[in-house]
PDB file of N, CA and C in Angstrom:
ATOM      1  N   MET A   1     -21.234   4.173   1.160  1.00  0.00           N
ATOM      2  CA  MET A   1     -20.759   3.730  -0.219  1.00  0.00           C
ATOM      3  C   MET A   1     -19.365   4.087  -0.388  1.00  0.00           C
ATOM      4  N   LEU A   2     -18.626   3.214  -0.950  1.00  0.00           N
ATOM      5  CA  LEU A   2     -17.222   3.331  -1.168  1.00  0.00           C
ATOM      6  C   LEU A   2     -16.827   4.264  -2.259  1.00  0.00           C
ATOM      7  N   ASP A   3     -15.998   5.060  -2.345  1.00  0.00           N
ATOM      8  CA  ASP A   3     -15.554   6.004  -3.325  1.00  0.00           C
ATOM      9  C   ASP A   3     -14.451   5.307  -4.270  1.00  0.00           C
ATOM     10  N   LEU A   4     -13.566   4.444  -3.630  1.00  0.00           N
ATOM     11  CA  LEU A   4     -12.369   3.884  -4.363  1.00  0.00           C
ATOM     12  C   LEU A   4     -12.956   2.434  -4.885  1.00  0.00           C
ATOM     13  N   GLU A   5     -12.244   2.169  -5.924  1.00  0.00           N
ATOM     14  CA  GLU A   5     -12.649   0.772  -6.811  1.00  0.00           C
ATOM     15  C   GLU A   5     -11.331   0.141  -6.920  1.00  0.00           C
ATOM     16  N   ARG A   6     -11.376  -0.950  -7.183  1.00  0.00           N
ATOM     17  CA  ARG A   6     -10.126  -1.877  -7.512  1.00  0.00           C
ATOM     18  C   ARG A   6      -9.346  -1.018  -8.457  1.00  0.00           C
ATOM     19  N   ASN A   7      -9.733  -0.484  -9.458  1.00  0.00           N
ATOM     20  CA  ASN A   7      -9.119   0.137 -10.553  1.00  0.00           C
ATOM     21  C   ASN A   7      -8.634   1.524 -10.357  1.00  0.00           C
ATOM     22  N   SER A   8      -8.960   2.091  -9.283  1.00  0.00           N
ATOM     23  CA  SER A   8      -8.640   3.458  -8.880  1.00  0.00           C
ATOM     24  C   SER A   8      -7.150   3.790  -8.776  1.00  0.00           C
ATOM     25  N   LEU A   9      -6.577   4.714  -9.176  1.00  0.00           N
ATOM     26  CA  LEU A   9      -5.122   4.745  -9.518  1.00  0.00           C
ATOM     27  C   LEU A   9      -4.793   5.472  -7.936  1.00  0.00           C
ATOM     28  N   LEU A  10      -3.423   5.232  -7.465  1.00  0.00           N
ATOM     29  CA  LEU A  10      -2.832   5.644  -6.234  1.00  0.00           C
ATOM     30  C   LEU A  10      -2.656   7.084  -6.584  1.00  0.00           C
ATOM     31  N   PRO A  11      -2.494   7.976  -5.461  1.00  0.00           N
ATOM     32  CA  PRO A  11      -1.850   9.275  -5.648  1.00  0.00           C
ATOM     33  C   PRO A  11      -0.368   9.410  -6.424  1.00  0.00           C
ATOM     34  N   PHE A  12       0.545   8.309  -6.071  1.00  0.00           N
ATOM     35  CA  PHE A  12       1.569   8.128  -6.660  1.00  0.00           C
ATOM     36  C   PHE A  12       2.085   6.667  -6.699  1.00  0.00           C
ATOM     37  N   PRO A  13       2.820   6.377  -7.878  1.00  0.00           N
ATOM     38  CA  PRO A  13       3.195   4.899  -7.983  1.00  0.00           C
ATOM     39  C   PRO A  13       4.266   4.425  -6.913  1.00  0.00           C
ATOM     40  N   LEU A  14       4.238   3.337  -6.794  1.00  0.00           N
ATOM     41  CA  LEU A  14       5.231   2.576  -5.798  1.00  0.00           C
ATOM     42  C   LEU A  14       6.258   1.665  -6.436  1.00  0.00           C
ATOM     43  N   PRO A  15       7.167   2.024  -7.113  1.00  0.00           N
ATOM     44  CA  PRO A  15       7.991   0.799  -7.790  1.00  0.00           C
ATOM     45  C   PRO A  15       8.685   0.155  -6.777  1.00  0.00           C
ATOM     46  N   LEU A  16       8.909  -1.144  -6.905  1.00  0.00           N
ATOM     47  CA  LEU A  16       9.421  -2.167  -5.966  1.00  0.00           C
ATOM     48  C   LEU A  16      10.662  -2.668  -6.785  1.00  0.00           C
ATOM     49  N   LYS A  17      11.661  -3.285  -5.736  1.00  0.00           N
ATOM     50  CA  LYS A  17      12.932  -3.645  -6.358  1.00  0.00           C
ATOM     51  C   LYS A  17      12.937  -4.759  -7.084  1.00  0.00           C
ATOM     52  N   ASP A  18      11.878  -5.467  -7.161  1.00  0.00           N
ATOM     53  CA  ASP A  18      11.495  -6.816  -7.838  1.00  0.00           C
ATOM     54  C   ASP A  18      10.926  -6.395  -9.347  1.00  0.00           C
ATOM     55  N   GLY A  19      10.958  -4.911  -9.495  1.00  0.00           N
ATOM     56  CA  GLY A  19      10.667  -4.696 -10.892  1.00  0.00           C
ATOM     57  C   GLY A  19       9.019  -4.593 -11.060  1.00  0.00           C
ATOM     58  N   ARG A  20       8.023  -4.833 -10.025  1.00  0.00           N
ATOM     59  CA  ARG A  20       6.805  -4.635 -10.148  1.00  0.00           C
ATOM     60  C   ARG A  20       6.516  -3.130  -9.557  1.00  0.00           C
ATOM     61  N   THR A  21       5.388  -2.574  -9.885  1.00  0.00           N
ATOM     62  CA  THR A  21       5.036  -1.284  -9.586  1.00  0.00           C
ATOM     63  C   THR A  21       3.603  -1.214  -8.958  1.00  0.00           C
ATOM     64  N   ILE A  22       3.559  -0.763  -7.859  1.00  0.00           N
ATOM     65  CA  ILE A  22       1.992  -0.589  -7.009  1.00  0.00           C
ATOM     66  C   ILE A  22       1.553   0.603  -7.483  1.00  0.00           C
ATOM     67  N   GLU A  23       0.363   0.539  -8.314  1.00  0.00           N
ATOM     68  CA  GLU A  23       0.008   1.787  -9.036  1.00  0.00           C
ATOM     69  C   GLU A  23      -1.719   1.925  -8.806  1.00  0.00           C
ATOM     70  N   THR A  24      -2.383   0.659  -8.474  1.00  0.00           N
ATOM     71  CA  THR A  24      -3.751   0.909  -8.210  1.00  0.00           C
ATOM     72  C   THR A  24      -4.153   0.219  -7.006  1.00  0.00           C
ATOM     73  N   VAL A  25      -5.469   0.458  -6.524  1.00  0.00           N
ATOM     74  CA  VAL A  25      -6.122  -0.101  -5.375  1.00  0.00           C
ATOM     75  C   VAL A  25      -5.818  -1.778  -5.595  1.00  0.00           C
ATOM     76  N   SER A  26      -6.124  -2.261  -6.693  1.00  0.00           N
ATOM     77  CA  SER A  26      -6.006  -3.570  -6.877  1.00  0.00           C
ATOM     78  C   SER A  26      -4.599  -4.176  -6.660  1.00  0.00           C
ATOM     79  N   ASP A  27      -3.726  -3.402  -6.926  1.00  0.00           N
ATOM     80  CA  ASP A  27      -2.162  -3.700  -6.949  1.00  0.00           C
ATOM     81  C   ASP A  27      -1.805  -3.884  -5.421  1.00  0.00           C
ATOM     82  N   VAL A  28      -2.375  -2.923  -4.678  1.00  0.00           N
ATOM     83  CA  VAL A  28      -2.339  -2.792  -3.325  1.00  0.00           C
ATOM     84  C   VAL A  28      -2.755  -4.256  -2.609  1.00  0.00           C
ATOM     85  N   ALA A  29      -3.954  -4.522  -2.995  1.00  0.00           N
ATOM     86  CA  ALA A  29      -4.761  -5.489  -2.620  1.00  0.00           C
ATOM     87  C   ALA A  29      -3.960  -6.813  -2.834  1.00  0.00           C
ATOM     88  N   ASP A  30      -3.569  -7.087  -4.033  1.00  0.00           N
ATOM     89  CA  ASP A  30      -2.678  -8.199  -4.410  1.00  0.00           C
ATOM     90  C   ASP A  30      -1.381  -8.222  -3.740  1.00  0.00           C
ATOM     91  N   PHE A  31      -0.656  -7.290  -3.648  1.00  0.00           N
ATOM     92  CA  PHE A  31       0.515  -7.197  -2.738  1.00  0.00           C
ATOM     93  C   PHE A  31       0.203  -7.550  -1.319  1.00  0.00           C
ATOM     94  N   LEU A  32      -0.605  -7.167  -0.654  1.00  0.00           N
ATOM     95  CA  LEU A  32      -0.962  -7.211   0.901  1.00  0.00           C
ATOM     96  C   LEU A  32      -1.326  -8.797   0.954  1.00  0.00           C
ATOM     97  N   SER A  33      -2.298  -9.274  -0.040  1.00  0.00           N
ATOM     98  CA  SER A  33      -2.520 -10.833   0.018  1.00  0.00           C
ATOM     99  C   SER A  33      -1.170 -11.715   0.150  1.00  0.00           C
ATOM    100  N   LEU A  34       0.027 -11.222  -0.496  1.00  0.00           N
ATOM    101  CA  LEU A  34       0.956 -12.092  -0.508  1.00  0.00           C
ATOM    102  C   LEU A  34       1.840 -12.055   0.817  1.00  0.00           C
ATOM    103  N   LEU A  35       1.472 -11.225   1.781  1.00  0.00           N
ATOM    104  CA  LEU A  35       2.077 -10.856   2.972  1.00  0.00           C
ATOM    105  C   LEU A  35       2.195 -12.297   3.779  1.00  0.00           C
ATOM    106  N   THR A  36       3.118 -12.641   4.784  1.00  0.00           N
ATOM    107  CA  THR A  36       3.166 -13.757   5.449  1.00  0.00           C
ATOM    108  C   THR A  36       2.093 -13.220   6.795  1.00  0.00           C
ATOM    109  N   GLU A  37       1.946 -14.013   7.469  1.00  0.00           N
ATOM    110  CA  GLU A  37       1.302 -13.832   8.823  1.00  0.00           C
ATOM    111  C   GLU A  37       2.334 -13.100   9.726  1.00  0.00           C
ATOM    112  N   ASP A  38       3.561 -13.479   9.677  1.00  0.00           N
ATOM    113  CA  ASP A  38       4.498 -12.782  10.520  1.00  0.00           C
ATOM    114  C   ASP A  38       4.792 -11.340  10.224  1.00  0.00           C
ATOM    115  N   GLN A  39       4.720 -11.008   8.725  1.00  0.00           N
ATOM    116  CA  GLN A  39       4.702  -9.766   8.182  1.00  0.00           C
ATOM    117  C   GLN A  39       3.460  -8.854   8.619  1.00  0.00           C
ATOM    118  N   ARG A  40       2.420  -9.670   8.563  1.00  0.00           N
ATOM    119  CA  ARG A  40       1.039  -8.779   8.978  1.00  0.00           C
ATOM    120  C   ARG A  40       1.235  -8.312  10.492  1.00  0.00           C
ATOM    121  N   GLU A  41       1.781  -9.105  11.157  1.00  0.00           N
ATOM    122  CA  GLU A  41       1.775  -8.785  12.610  1.00  0.00           C
ATOM    123  C   GLU A  41       2.858  -7.686  12.914  1.00  0.00           C
ATOM    124  N   ARG A  42       3.711  -7.335  12.029  1.00  0.00           N
ATOM    125  CA  ARG A  42       4.622  -6.139  12.443  1.00  0.00           C
ATOM    126  C   ARG A  42       3.896  -4.810  12.383  1.00  0.00           C
ATOM    127  N   VAL A  43       4.381  -4.116  13.221  1.00  0.00           N
ATOM    128  CA  VAL A  43       3.422  -2.749  13.458  1.00  0.00           C
ATOM    129  C   VAL A  43       3.449  -1.830  12.240  1.00  0.00           C
ATOM    130  N   HIS A  44       4.583  -1.924  11.443  1.00  0.00           N
ATOM    131  CA  HIS A  44       4.595  -1.013  10.318  1.00  0.00           C
ATOM    132  C   HIS A  44       3.523  -1.630   9.235  1.00  0.00           C
ATOM    133  N   TRP A  45       3.426  -2.933   9.265  1.00  0.00           N
ATOM    134  CA  TRP A  45       2.247  -3.514   8.051  1.00  0.00           C
ATOM    135  C   TRP A  45       1.098  -3.227   8.882  1.00  0.00           C
ATOM    136  N   ARG A  46       0.702  -3.487  10.094  1.00  0.00           N
ATOM    137  CA  ARG A  46      -0.685  -3.419  10.686  1.00  0.00           C
ATOM    138  C   ARG A  46      -0.927  -1.967  10.534  1.00  0.00           C
ATOM    139  N   THR A  47      -0.127  -0.928  10.555  1.00  0.00           N
ATOM    140  CA  THR A  47      -0.615   0.408  10.417  1.00  0.00           C
ATOM    141  C   THR A  47      -0.998   0.598   8.983  1.00  0.00           C
ATOM    142  N   ALA A  48       0.044   0.084   8.169  1.00  0.00           N
ATOM    143  CA  ALA A  48      -0.347   0.592   6.563  1.00  0.00           C
ATOM    144  C   ALA A  48      -1.818  -0.100   6.346  1.00  0.00           C
ATOM    145  N   ILE A  49      -1.965  -1.367   6.860  1.00  0.00           N
ATOM    146  CA  ILE A  49      -3.269  -2.111   6.490  1.00  0.00           C
ATOM    147  C   ILE A  49      -4.381  -1.377   7.156  1.00  0.00           C
ATOM    148  N   LEU A  50      -4.247  -1.011   8.276  1.00  0.00           N
ATOM    149  CA  LEU A  50      -5.373  -0.086   8.710  1.00  0.00           C
ATOM    150  C   LEU A  50      -5.618   1.121   8.121  1.00  0.00           C
ATOM    151  N   MET A  51      -4.567   1.911   7.744  1.00  0.00           N
ATOM    152  CA  MET A  51      -4.710   3.024   7.058  1.00  0.00           C
ATOM    153  C   MET A  51      -5.587   2.918   5.553  1.00  0.00           C
ATOM    154  N   LEU A  52      -4.957   1.750   5.007  1.00  0.00           N
ATOM    155  CA  LEU A  52      -5.694   1.449   3.658  1.00  0.00           C
ATOM    156  C   LEU A  52      -7.101   0.951   3.885  1.00  0.00           C
ATOM    157  N   ASN A  53      -7.592   0.243   4.954  1.00  0.00           N
ATOM    158  CA  ASN A  53      -8.986  -0.046   5.356  1.00  0.00           C
ATOM    159  C   ASN A  53      -9.748   1.138   5.227  1.00  0.00           C
ATOM    160  N   ASN A  54      -9.170   2.266   6.123  1.00  0.00           N
ATOM    161  CA  ASN A  54      -9.786   3.578   6.334  1.00  0.00           C
ATOM    162  C   ASN A  54      -9.965   4.357   5.081  1.00  0.00           C
ATOM    163  N   ALA A  55      -8.912   4.181   4.045  1.00  0.00           N
ATOM    164  CA  ALA A  55      -9.089   4.850   2.860  1.00  0.00           C
ATOM    165  C   ALA A  55     -10.358   4.156   2.063  1.00  0.00           C
ATOM    166  N   MET A  56     -10.413   2.997   2.079  1.00  0.00           N
ATOM    167  CA  MET A  56     -11.580   2.382   1.398  1.00  0.00           C
ATOM    168  C   MET A  56     -12.814   2.844   1.748  1.00  0.00           C
ATOM    169  N   ARG A  57     -13.014   3.289   3.025  1.00  0.00           N
ATOM    170  CA  ARG A  57     -14.205   3.802   3.567  1.00  0.00           C
ATOM    171  C   ARG A  57     -14.289   5.189   3.159  1.00  0.00           C
ATOM    172  N   GLU A  58     -13.120   5.923   3.240  1.00  0.00           N
ATOM    173  CA  GLU A  58     -13.155   7.212   3.052  1.00  0.00           C
ATOM    174  C   GLU A  58     -11.921   7.658   2.173  1.00  0.00           C
ATOM    175  N   SER A  59     -12.356   7.935   0.717  1.00  0.00           N
ATOM    176  CA  SER A  59     -11.091   8.012  -0.093  1.00  0.00           C
ATOM    177  C   SER A  59     -10.287   9.126   0.268  1.00  0.00           C
ATOM    178  N   ARG A  60     -10.716  10.318   1.060  1.00  0.00           N
ATOM    179  CA  ARG A  60      -9.756  11.138   1.384  1.00  0.00           C
ATOM    180  C   ARG A  60      -8.436  10.765   2.056  1.00  0.00           C
ATOM    181  N   TYR A  61      -8.565   9.582   2.590  1.00  0.00           N
ATOM    182  CA  TYR A  61      -7.323   9.059   3.448  1.00  0.00           C
ATOM    183  C   TYR A  61      -6.441   8.407   2.434  1.00  0.00           C
ATOM    184  N   LEU A  62      -6.670   8.269   1.199  1.00  0.00           N
ATOM    185  CA  LEU A  62      -5.800   7.507   0.298  1.00  0.00           C
ATOM    186  C   LEU A  62      -4.397   7.786   0.289  1.00  0.00           C
ATOM    187  N   LYS A  63      -4.239   9.346   0.264  1.00  0.00           N
ATOM    188  CA  LYS A  63      -2.690   9.563   0.249  1.00  0.00           C
ATOM    189  C   LYS A  63      -1.949   9.313   1.573  1.00  0.00           C
ATOM    190  N   ILE A  64      -2.446   9.657   2.624  1.00  0.00           N
ATOM    191  CA  ILE A  64      -1.764   9.078   3.954  1.00  0.00           C
ATOM    192  C   ILE A  64      -1.848   7.619   3.919  1.00  0.00           C
ATOM    193  N   ALA A  65      -2.686   6.905   3.381  1.00  0.00           N
ATOM    194  CA  ALA A  65      -2.382   5.235   3.409  1.00  0.00           C
ATOM    195  C   ALA A  65      -1.356   4.919   2.785  1.00  0.00           C
ATOM    196  N   ILE A  66      -1.272   5.539   1.714  1.00  0.00           N
ATOM    197  CA  ILE A  66      -0.031   5.144   0.376  1.00  0.00           C
ATOM    198  C   ILE A  66       0.894   5.646   1.069  1.00  0.00           C
ATOM    199  N   ILE A  67       1.328   6.839   1.923  1.00  0.00           N
ATOM    200  CA  ILE A  67       2.434   7.310   2.441  1.00  0.00           C
ATOM    201  C   ILE A  67       2.873   6.124   3.465  1.00  0.00           C
ATOM    202  N   ASN A  68       1.877   5.587   4.290  1.00  0.00           N
ATOM    203  CA  ASN A  68       1.993   4.770   5.277  1.00  0.00           C
ATOM    204  C   ASN A  68       2.554   3.242   4.370  1.00  0.00           C
ATOM    205  N   LEU A  69       2.039   2.873   3.512  1.00  0.00           N
ATOM    206  CA  LEU A  69       2.358   1.671   2.659  1.00  0.00           C
ATOM    207  C   LEU A  69       3.783   1.873   2.132  1.00  0.00           C
ATOM    208  N   ARG A  70       4.185   2.961   1.691  1.00  0.00           N
ATOM    209  CA  ARG A  70       5.510   3.410   1.467  1.00  0.00           C
ATOM    210  C   ARG A  70       6.411   3.233   2.445  1.00  0.00           C
ATOM    211  N   SER A  71       6.139   3.683   3.620  1.00  0.00           N
ATOM    212  CA  SER A  71       6.953   3.546   4.788  1.00  0.00           C
ATOM    213  C   SER A  71       7.112   2.109   5.092  1.00  0.00           C
ATOM    214  N   ALA A  72       5.893   1.321   5.112  1.00  0.00           N
ATOM    215  CA  ALA A  72       6.089  -0.303   5.514  1.00  0.00           C
ATOM    216  C   ALA A  72       7.283  -0.967   4.517  1.00  0.00           C
ATOM    217  N   LEU A  73       6.868  -0.541   2.938  1.00  0.00           N
ATOM    218  CA  LEU A  73       7.651  -1.172   2.161  1.00  0.00           C
ATOM    219  C   LEU A  73       9.201  -0.738   2.421  1.00  0.00           C
ATOM    220  N   ALA A  74       9.543   0.377   2.756  1.00  0.00           N
ATOM    221  CA  ALA A  74      10.908   1.013   2.908  1.00  0.00           C
ATOM    222  C   ALA A  74      11.348   0.275   4.201  1.00  0.00           C
ATOM    223  N   TYR A  75      10.524   0.186   5.333  1.00  0.00           N
ATOM    224  CA  TYR A  75      11.167  -0.613   6.415  1.00  0.00           C
ATOM    225  C   TYR A  75      11.476  -1.959   6.099  1.00  0.00           C
ATOM    226  N   ASP A  76      10.987  -2.745   5.194  1.00  0.00           N
ATOM    227  CA  ASP A  76      11.336  -4.070   4.703  1.00  0.00           C
ATOM    228  C   ASP A  76      12.250  -4.116   3.376  1.00  0.00           C
ATOM    229  N   ASP A  77      12.806  -2.729   3.129  1.00  0.00           N
ATOM    230  CA  ASP A  77      13.584  -2.580   2.206  1.00  0.00           C
ATOM    231  C   ASP A  77      12.957  -3.371   0.755  1.00  0.00           C
ATOM    232  N   LEU A  78      11.817  -2.869   0.446  1.00  0.00           N
ATOM    233  CA  LEU A  78      11.158  -3.475  -0.846  1.00  0.00           C
ATOM    234  C   LEU A  78      11.148  -2.415  -1.847  1.00  0.00           C
ATOM    235  N   LEU A  79      11.327  -1.071  -1.492  1.00  0.00           N
ATOM    236  CA  LEU A  79      11.186  -0.196  -2.563  1.00  0.00           C
ATOM    237  C   LEU A  79      12.356  -0.096  -3.486  1.00  0.00           C
ATOM    238  N   ALA A  80      12.194   0.133  -4.784  1.00  0.00           N
ATOM    239  CA  ALA A  80      13.094   0.503  -5.768  1.00  0.00           C
ATOM    240  C   ALA A  80      13.840   1.753  -5.418  1.00  0.00           C
ATOM    241  N   GLN A  81      15.032   2.048  -5.756  1.00  0.00           N
ATOM    242  CA  GLN A  81      15.786   3.093  -5.459  1.00  0.00           C
ATOM    243  C   GLN A  81      15.278   4.547  -5.978  1.00  0.00           C
ATOM    244  N   ASP A  82      14.473   4.535  -7.116  1.00  0.00           N
ATOM    245  CA  ASP A  82      13.878   5.513  -7.575  1.00  0.00           C
ATOM    246  C   ASP A  82      12.197   5.964  -7.226  1.00  0.00           C
ATOM    247  N   ALA A  83      11.994   5.126  -5.966  1.00  0.00           N
ATOM    248  CA  ALA A  83      10.569   5.289  -5.383  1.00  0.00           C
ATOM    249  C   ALA A  83      10.359   6.627  -5.034  1.00  0.00           C
ATOM    250  N   PRO A  84       9.333   7.507  -5.167  1.00  0.00           N
ATOM    251  CA  PRO A  84       8.967   8.709  -4.539  1.00  0.00           C
ATOM    252  C   PRO A  84       9.045   8.838  -3.029  1.00  0.00           C
TER     253      PRO A  84
END
């Protein structure tokens, strides 16, 4: 049984340069659905997606998954300056 739901809050928000903020599992899913095939093939995005899939099965992995997501966003220079 999954511990996380689409409206589950992330351990910390991820403000993006475009003004959006990723705050929930649903926000993550929406953001990832917009990645191009080329982006999804990059190692940092593959790692972030894998870790998020793990977190969906085991909620204790959510924090490390979001750290990986933050790293992927940083690699592509998508995080706002005030991101944690």
